C-alpha cells in the first residue's frame, strides 16, 4: 500500500508512474518493476559473496527462509563459489 502526500491510498497506475520516474531519474530506464530490481539486487549481492543473512536483512526479510525460497536460483553463484573455495582449501582430488 502506497499513500499520497496527504495519506490517502494511491492507485496502482500512479504508483507505477512514480516508480518509472524514479528508475528513469536513476538512469536505468523505465522498464523495471520493483520485483525485478529486488531480484537484481539479490543476484548482485549473492554474486559478490554477501552472506544470505545480510541479504535477507537488506531486503527486509525477518529471516533467511523467504530469501532462500524466493531467490534460491540467484544464490547458486555463491554456493558454487563456496564449493570452489573448499576445493582450493582441501584439494580437488577424487576419492575412491
C-alpha atoms as a PDB file:
ATOM      1  CA  UNK A   1       0.000   0.000   0.000  1.00  0.00           C
ATOM      2  CA  UNK A   2       1.367   3.350  -1.025  1.00  0.00           C
ATOM      3  CA  UNK A   3      -0.171   6.614   0.008  1.00  0.00           C
ATOM      4  CA  UNK A   4      -0.289  10.153  -1.314  1.00  0.00           C
ATOM      5  CA  UNK A   5       1.342  13.086   0.468  1.00  0.00           C
ATOM      6  CA  UNK A   6      -1.916  13.590   2.404  1.00  0.00           C
ATOM      7  CA  UNK A   7      -2.168   9.925   3.451  1.00  0.00           C
ATOM      8  CA  UNK A   8      -4.882   8.661   1.129  1.00  0.00           C
ATOM      9  CA  UNK A   9      -4.354   5.415  -0.820  1.00  0.00           C
ATOM     10  CA  UNK A  10      -2.611   5.827  -4.140  1.00  0.00           C
ATOM     11  CA  UNK A  11      -3.940   3.838  -7.074  1.00  0.00           C
ATOM     12  CA  UNK A  12      -1.732   1.352  -8.894  1.00  0.00           C
ATOM     13  CA  UNK A  13      -1.347   3.489 -12.030  1.00  0.00           C
ATOM     14  CA  UNK A  14       0.083   6.353 -10.009  1.00  0.00           C
ATOM     15  CA  UNK A  15       2.460   4.044  -8.172  1.00  0.00           C
ATOM     16  CA  UNK A  16       3.707   2.627 -11.481  1.00  0.00           C
ATOM     17  CA  UNK A  17       4.086   6.122 -12.942  1.00  0.00           C
ATOM     18  CA  UNK A  18       6.082   7.324  -9.924  1.00  0.00           C
ATOM     19  CA  UNK A  19       8.273   4.216  -9.997  1.00  0.00           C
ATOM     20  CA  UNK A  20       9.012   4.671 -13.711  1.00  0.00           C
ATOM     21  CA  UNK A  21      10.068   8.252 -12.998  1.00  0.00           C
ATOM     22  CA  UNK A  22      12.379   7.090 -10.215  1.00  0.00           C
ATOM     23  CA  UNK A  23      14.085   4.480 -12.412  1.00  0.00           C
ATOM     24  CA  UNK A  24      14.342   6.977 -15.264  1.00  0.00           C
ATOM     25  CA  UNK A  25      15.977   9.519 -12.959  1.00  0.00           C
ATOM     26  CA  UNK A  26      18.342   6.816 -11.722  1.00  0.00           C
ATOM     27  CA  UNK A  27      19.459   6.257 -15.317  1.00  0.00           C
ATOM     28  CA  UNK A  28      18.372   2.603 -15.548  1.00  0.00           C
ATOM     29  CA  UNK A  29      15.417   3.048 -17.892  1.00  0.00           C
ATOM     30  CA  UNK A  30      11.699   2.739 -17.330  1.00  0.00           C
ATOM     31  CA  UNK A  31      11.045  -0.962 -17.982  1.00  0.00           C
ATOM     32  CA  UNK A  32      11.767  -2.160 -14.432  1.00  0.00           C
ATOM     33  CA  UNK A  33       9.371  -3.383 -11.768  1.00  0.00           C
ATOM     34  CA  UNK A  34      10.131  -3.286  -8.039  1.00  0.00           C
ATOM     35  CA  UNK A  35      10.273  -7.093  -8.041  1.00  0.00           C
ATOM     36  CA  UNK A  36      12.832  -7.139 -10.871  1.00  0.00           C
ATOM     37  CA  UNK A  37      15.006  -4.631  -9.059  1.00  0.00           C
ATOM     38  CA  UNK A  38      14.823  -6.682  -5.885  1.00  0.00           C
ATOM     39  CA  UNK A  39      15.816  -9.851  -7.751  1.00  0.00           C
ATOM     40  CA  UNK A  40      18.679  -7.990  -9.434  1.00  0.00           C
ATOM     41  CA  UNK A  41      19.848  -6.638  -6.081  1.00  0.00           C
ATOM     42  CA  UNK A  42      19.811 -10.106  -4.512  1.00  0.00           C
ATOM     43  CA  UNK A  43      21.685 -11.533  -7.517  1.00  0.00           C
ATOM     44  CA  UNK A  44      24.396  -8.878  -7.365  1.00  0.00           C
ATOM     45  CA  UNK A  45      24.823  -9.247  -3.614  1.00  0.00           C
ATOM     46  CA  UNK A  46      24.890 -13.036  -3.956  1.00  0.00           C
ATOM     47  CA  UNK A  47      27.410 -12.927  -6.816  1.00  0.00           C
ATOM     48  CA  UNK A  48      29.676 -10.755  -4.667  1.00  0.00           C
ATOM     49  CA  UNK A  49      29.635 -13.251  -1.807  1.00  0.00           C
ATOM     50  CA  UNK A  50      27.445 -11.305   0.604  1.00  0.00           C
ATOM     51  CA  UNK A  51      26.130 -13.690   3.295  1.00  0.00           C
ATOM     52  CA  UNK A  52      22.494 -14.760   2.977  1.00  0.00           C
ATOM     53  CA  UNK A  53      21.759 -13.289   6.412  1.00  0.00           C
ATOM     54  CA  UNK A  54      22.935  -9.869   5.268  1.00  0.00           C
ATOM     55  CA  UNK A  55      20.982 -10.088   2.006  1.00  0.00           C
ATOM     56  CA  UNK A  56      17.823 -11.082   3.895  1.00  0.00           C
ATOM     57  CA  UNK A  57      18.261  -8.128   6.231  1.00  0.00           C
ATOM     58  CA  UNK A  58      18.869  -5.702   3.358  1.00  0.00           C
ATOM     59  CA  UNK A  59      15.701  -6.748   1.506  1.00  0.00           C
ATOM     60  CA  UNK A  60      13.632  -6.589   4.688  1.00  0.00           C
ATOM     61  CA  UNK A  61      13.059 -10.264   5.379  1.00  0.00           C
ATOM     62  CA  UNK A  62      12.740 -11.277   9.043  1.00  0.00           C
ATOM     63  CA  UNK A  63      14.871 -14.378   8.445  1.00  0.00           C
ATOM     64  CA  UNK A  64      16.675 -16.176   5.654  1.00  0.00           C
ATOM     65  CA  UNK A  65      13.972 -18.711   4.724  1.00  0.00           C
ATOM     66  CA  UNK A  66      11.995 -16.373   2.438  1.00  0.00           C
ATOM     67  CA  UNK A  67      15.185 -15.097   0.847  1.00  0.00           C
ATOM     68  CA  UNK A  68      16.383 -18.654   0.222  1.00  0.00           C
ATOM     69  CA  UNK A  69      12.999 -19.855  -1.050  1.00  0.00           C
ATOM     70  CA  UNK A  70      12.145 -16.937  -3.332  1.00  0.00           C
ATOM     71  CA  UNK A  71      15.637 -16.169  -4.571  1.00  0.00           C
ATOM     72  CA  UNK A  72      17.279 -19.609  -4.397  1.00  0.00           C
ATOM     73  CA  UNK A  73      18.177 -19.619  -8.117  1.00  0.00           C
ATOM     74  CA  UNK A  74      20.033 -16.334  -7.584  1.00  0.00           C
ATOM     75  CA  UNK A  75      22.102 -17.810  -4.769  1.00  0.00           C
ATOM     76  CA  UNK A  76      23.659 -20.578  -6.887  1.00  0.00           C
ATOM     77  CA  UNK A  77      26.758 -18.472  -7.738  1.00  0.00           C
ATOM     78  CA  UNK A  78      27.525 -18.076  -4.021  1.00  0.00           C
ATOM     79  CA  UNK A  79      27.132 -21.793  -3.398  1.00  0.00           C
ATOM     80  CA  UNK A  80      29.328 -22.576  -6.428  1.00  0.00           C
ATOM     81  CA  UNK A  81      31.970 -20.092  -5.269  1.00  0.00           C
ATOM     82  CA  UNK A  82      31.927 -21.683  -1.820  1.00  0.00           C
ATOM     83  CA  UNK A  83      32.394 -25.138  -3.309  1.00  0.00           C
ATOM     84  CA  UNK A  84      35.329 -23.940  -5.415  1.00  0.00           C
ATOM     85  CA  UNK A  85      36.873 -22.312  -2.357  1.00  0.00           C
ATOM     86  CA  UNK A  86      36.536 -25.542  -0.368  1.00  0.00           C
ATOM     87  CA  UNK A  87      38.159 -27.453  -3.240  1.00  0.00           C
ATOM     88  CA  UNK A  88      41.049 -24.993  -3.167  1.00  0.00           C
ATOM     89  CA  UNK A  89      41.459 -25.349   0.591  1.00  0.00           C
ATOM     90  CA  UNK A  90      41.116 -29.132   0.798  1.00  0.00           C
ATOM     91  CA  UNK A  91      42.306 -30.087  -2.657  1.00  0.00           C
ATOM     92  CA  UNK A  92      40.263 -31.222  -5.650  1.00  0.00           C
ATOM     93  CA  UNK A  93      41.283 -34.869  -5.512  1.00  0.00           C
ATOM     94  CA  UNK A  94      38.836 -37.590  -6.490  1.00  0.00           C
ATOM     95  CA  UNK A  95      38.101 -40.166  -3.810  1.00  0.00           C
ATOM     96  CA  UNK A  96      37.910 -43.883  -4.286  1.00  0.00           C
END
